[in-house]
C-alpha atoms as a PDB file:
ATOM      1  CA  GLU A   1      31.595 -51.766 -45.993  1.00  0.00           C
ATOM      2  CA  VAL A   2      30.445 -55.509 -45.344  1.00  0.00           C
ATOM      3  CA  GLN A   3      27.255 -56.310 -46.700  1.00  0.00           C
ATOM      4  CA  LEU A   4      25.432 -59.925 -46.556  1.00  0.00           C
ATOM      5  CA  GLN A   5      22.532 -61.031 -48.001  1.00  0.00           C
ATOM      6  CA  ALA A   6      20.553 -64.130 -46.997  1.00  0.00           C
ATOM      7  CA  SER A   7      18.115 -65.773 -49.348  1.00  0.00           C
ATOM      8  CA  GLY A   8      16.872 -69.388 -49.745  1.00  0.00           C
ATOM      9  CA  GLY A   9      14.233 -69.524 -46.674  1.00  0.00           C
ATOM     10  CA  GLY A  10      10.795 -71.113 -47.326  1.00  0.00           C
ATOM     11  CA  LEU A  11       8.198 -73.697 -46.753  1.00  0.00           C
ATOM     12  CA  VAL A  12       9.127 -77.321 -46.157  1.00  0.00           C
ATOM     13  CA  GLN A  13       7.926 -80.269 -45.349  1.00  0.00           C
ATOM     14  CA  ALA A  14       9.214 -83.013 -42.849  1.00  0.00           C
ATOM     15  CA  GLY A  15      12.370 -84.742 -43.804  1.00  0.00           C
ATOM     16  CA  GLY A  16      12.794 -82.347 -46.551  1.00  0.00           C
ATOM     17  CA  SER A  17      15.628 -79.996 -47.546  1.00  0.00           C
ATOM     18  CA  LEU A  18      16.677 -76.368 -47.959  1.00  0.00           C
ATOM     19  CA  ARG A  19      19.514 -74.641 -48.683  1.00  0.00           C
ATOM     20  CA  LEU A  20      19.947 -70.856 -47.468  1.00  0.00           C
ATOM     21  CA  SER A  21      22.819 -68.915 -49.574  1.00  0.00           C
ATOM     22  CA  CYS A  22      24.044 -65.965 -47.476  1.00  0.00           C
ATOM     23  CA  ALA A  23      25.550 -63.250 -50.623  1.00  0.00           C
ATOM     24  CA  VAL A  24      29.414 -61.566 -48.661  1.00  0.00           C
ATOM     25  CA  SER A  25      30.118 -58.998 -50.007  1.00  0.00           C
ATOM     26  CA  GLY A  26      33.098 -55.985 -49.006  1.00  0.00           C
ATOM     27  CA  LEU A  27      34.570 -58.738 -46.198  1.00  0.00           C
ATOM     28  CA  THR A  28      38.437 -57.535 -47.229  1.00  0.00           C
ATOM     29  CA  PHE A  29      39.700 -58.279 -44.244  1.00  0.00           C
ATOM     30  CA  GLY A  30      41.480 -62.119 -42.397  1.00  0.00           C
ATOM     31  CA  ASN A  31      40.848 -63.561 -39.432  1.00  0.00           C
ATOM     32  CA  SER A  32      36.802 -63.918 -40.459  1.00  0.00           C
ATOM     33  CA  ALA A  33      34.492 -66.500 -39.966  1.00  0.00           C
ATOM     34  CA  ILE A  34      31.005 -66.557 -41.138  1.00  0.00           C
ATOM     35  CA  ALA A  35      28.110 -68.254 -39.105  1.00  0.00           C
ATOM     36  CA  TRP A  36      24.133 -69.271 -39.847  1.00  0.00           C
ATOM     37  CA  PHE A  37      22.400 -68.021 -36.719  1.00  0.00           C
ATOM     38  CA  ARG A  38      18.836 -68.823 -36.196  1.00  0.00           C
ATOM     39  CA  GLN A  39      15.435 -67.253 -34.301  1.00  0.00           C
ATOM     40  CA  ALA A  40      12.701 -69.581 -33.444  1.00  0.00           C
ATOM     41  CA  PRO A  41       9.450 -67.461 -31.946  1.00  0.00           C
ATOM     42  CA  GLY A  42       9.772 -67.245 -28.264  1.00  0.00           C
ATOM     43  CA  LYS A  43      13.477 -68.136 -28.128  1.00  0.00           C
ATOM     44  CA  GLU A  44      16.710 -67.137 -28.352  1.00  0.00           C
ATOM     45  CA  ARG A  45      19.341 -66.542 -31.229  1.00  0.00           C
ATOM     46  CA  GLU A  46      21.471 -69.443 -31.546  1.00  0.00           C
ATOM     47  CA  GLY A  47      24.308 -70.323 -33.535  1.00  0.00           C
ATOM     48  CA  ILE A  48      23.979 -73.120 -35.235  1.00  0.00           C
ATOM     49  CA  ALA A  49      26.791 -73.201 -38.127  1.00  0.00           C
ATOM     50  CA  CYS A  50      30.335 -71.138 -38.481  1.00  0.00           C
ATOM     51  CA  ILE A  51      33.068 -71.952 -41.026  1.00  0.00           C
ATOM     52  CA  VAL A  52      36.325 -70.010 -41.204  1.00  0.00           C
ATOM     53  CA  SER A  53      37.369 -67.622 -43.945  1.00  0.00           C
ATOM     54  CA  ASP A  54      41.031 -68.633 -43.826  1.00  0.00           C
ATOM     55  CA  ASN A  55      41.308 -72.416 -43.443  1.00  0.00           C
ATOM     56  CA  ASP A  56      37.281 -73.358 -44.280  1.00  0.00           C
ATOM     57  CA  ASP A  57      37.492 -75.110 -40.683  1.00  0.00           C
ATOM     58  CA  THR A  58      33.763 -75.523 -40.304  1.00  0.00           C
ATOM     59  CA  VAL A  59      31.781 -76.477 -36.616  1.00  0.00           C
ATOM     60  CA  TYR A  60      28.142 -77.371 -35.913  1.00  0.00           C
ATOM     61  CA  SER A  61      25.609 -76.881 -32.438  1.00  0.00           C
ATOM     62  CA  ASP A  62      24.430 -80.390 -31.382  1.00  0.00           C
ATOM     63  CA  SER A  63      20.866 -79.569 -33.020  1.00  0.00           C
ATOM     64  CA  VAL A  64      21.686 -79.767 -36.360  1.00  0.00           C
ATOM     65  CA  LYS A  65      25.147 -81.947 -36.856  1.00  0.00           C
ATOM     66  CA  GLY A  66      25.296 -84.741 -39.133  1.00  0.00           C
ATOM     67  CA  ARG A  67      22.186 -82.727 -41.296  1.00  0.00           C
ATOM     68  CA  PHE A  68      23.174 -79.410 -41.697  1.00  0.00           C
ATOM     69  CA  THR A  69      26.398 -78.586 -44.134  1.00  0.00           C
ATOM     70  CA  ILE A  70      28.045 -75.036 -44.255  1.00  0.00           C
ATOM     71  CA  ALA A  71      30.413 -74.553 -47.107  1.00  0.00           C
ATOM     72  CA  SER A  72      31.718 -71.179 -49.004  1.00  0.00           C
ATOM     73  CA  ASP A  73      31.540 -70.830 -52.675  1.00  0.00           C
ATOM     74  CA  ASN A  74      34.543 -68.383 -53.412  1.00  0.00           C
ATOM     75  CA  ALA A  75      33.108 -68.120 -57.001  1.00  0.00           C
ATOM     76  CA  LYS A  76      30.388 -66.831 -56.157  1.00  0.00           C
ATOM     77  CA  ASN A  77      31.212 -64.927 -52.953  1.00  0.00           C
ATOM     78  CA  THR A  78      28.305 -67.043 -51.066  1.00  0.00           C
ATOM     79  CA  VAL A  79      28.678 -69.121 -47.512  1.00  0.00           C
ATOM     80  CA  ASP A  80      25.664 -71.990 -48.084  1.00  0.00           C
ATOM     81  CA  LEU A  81      23.764 -73.456 -45.615  1.00  0.00           C
ATOM     82  CA  GLN A  82      22.564 -77.310 -47.329  1.00  0.00           C
ATOM     83  CA  MET A  83      19.321 -78.052 -44.198  1.00  0.00           C
ATOM     84  CA  ASN A  84      18.560 -81.964 -44.581  1.00  0.00           C
ATOM     85  CA  CYS A  85      15.906 -84.122 -42.741  1.00  0.00           C
ATOM     86  CA  LEU A  86      14.304 -80.922 -41.536  1.00  0.00           C
ATOM     87  CA  LYS A  87      12.415 -81.232 -38.562  1.00  0.00           C
ATOM     88  CA  PRO A  88       9.187 -78.913 -37.279  1.00  0.00           C
ATOM     89  CA  GLU A  89      11.943 -77.716 -34.356  1.00  0.00           C
ATOM     90  CA  ASP A  90      13.971 -76.079 -37.217  1.00  0.00           C
ATOM     91  CA  THR A  91      11.321 -73.660 -37.919  1.00  0.00           C
ATOM     92  CA  ALA A  92      13.371 -70.196 -37.434  1.00  0.00           C
ATOM     93  CA  VAL A  93      14.287 -66.639 -38.634  1.00  0.00           C
ATOM     94  CA  TYR A  94      17.971 -67.373 -39.988  1.00  0.00           C
ATOM     95  CA  TYR A  95      20.534 -64.967 -40.131  1.00  0.00           C
ATOM     96  CA  CYS A  96      23.810 -64.803 -41.469  1.00  0.00           C
ATOM     97  CA  HIS A  97      26.774 -63.338 -39.285  1.00  0.00           C
ATOM     98  CA  ALA A  98      30.512 -62.459 -40.399  1.00  0.00           C
ATOM     99  CA  GLU A  99      33.292 -61.182 -37.840  1.00  0.00           C
ATOM    100  CA  GLY A 100      36.431 -60.953 -38.268  1.00  0.00           C
ATOM    101  CA  LEU A 101      39.740 -58.874 -36.917  1.00  0.00           C
ATOM    102  CA  LYS A 102      40.605 -55.958 -38.832  1.00  0.00           C
ATOM    103  CA  TYR A 103      43.872 -54.152 -39.274  1.00  0.00           C
ATOM    104  CA  ASP A 104      43.661 -50.549 -37.383  1.00  0.00           C
ATOM    105  CA  SER A 105      46.779 -49.299 -36.809  1.00  0.00           C
ATOM    106  CA  GLY A 106      50.391 -50.040 -35.401  1.00  0.00           C
ATOM    107  CA  SER A 107      52.510 -53.143 -35.425  1.00  0.00           C
ATOM    108  CA  PRO A 108      50.890 -56.124 -37.236  1.00  0.00           C
ATOM    109  CA  GLN A 109      52.084 -58.158 -34.569  1.00  0.00           C
ATOM    110  CA  ASP A 110      50.552 -56.648 -32.269  1.00  0.00           C
ATOM    111  CA  PRO A 111      46.668 -57.685 -31.039  1.00  0.00           C
ATOM    112  CA  LYS A 112      46.220 -54.722 -30.328  1.00  0.00           C
ATOM    113  CA  SER A 113      46.384 -53.251 -33.597  1.00  0.00           C
ATOM    114  CA  TYR A 114      43.386 -54.714 -34.404  1.00  0.00           C
ATOM    115  CA  ARG A 115      39.153 -54.066 -34.488  1.00  0.00           C
ATOM    116  CA  TYR A 116      37.247 -56.584 -34.404  1.00  0.00           C
ATOM    117  CA  LEU A 117      34.187 -56.315 -36.334  1.00  0.00           C
ATOM    118  CA  GLU A 118      30.800 -58.002 -36.496  1.00  0.00           C
ATOM    119  CA  PHE A 119      27.938 -57.937 -38.942  1.00  0.00           C
ATOM    120  CA  TRP A 120      24.749 -59.386 -39.761  1.00  0.00           C
ATOM    121  CA  GLY A 121      22.870 -59.596 -42.613  1.00  0.00           C
ATOM    122  CA  GLN A 122      18.770 -59.556 -42.979  1.00  0.00           C
ATOM    123  CA  GLY A 123      16.662 -62.816 -42.308  1.00  0.00           C
ATOM    124  CA  THR A 124      15.121 -65.458 -44.251  1.00  0.00           C
ATOM    125  CA  LEU A 125      12.237 -67.477 -42.649  1.00  0.00           C
ATOM    126  CA  VAL A 126      12.322 -71.134 -42.431  1.00  0.00           C
ATOM    127  CA  THR A 127       8.714 -72.871 -41.925  1.00  0.00           C
ATOM    128  CA  VAL A 128       9.149 -76.523 -41.434  1.00  0.00           C
ATOM    129  CA  SER A 129       5.411 -78.519 -41.568  1.00  0.00           C
ATOM    130  CA  SER A 130       4.697 -81.274 -39.985  1.00  0.00           C
END
């Protein structure tokens, strides 16, 4: 069973930094990716950063590009989100998310042999004061 445990949230002043960590366990299948989402009060949940497990390719939303960095720490089995130059509009609950294709049955060359799975961790609150 895949489990995700997010930590590192807190209160920080505008311009400051925080580092979130997502402890990942049980993610034993390839074709997977870990992402950070956030949800501000009254707004929809948005994806802000993603890292592909097989090759460490990363993708960022425009709202955080250049300020946030997502990285895997294979020794600790975590995916961390370094957040710099924080703004009050970064205030939100931050969630880590895992998704991937797990082999089910049949020919490994047949895409139908795989199941799409996704998992959410609990949120961690980040509050940026002005």
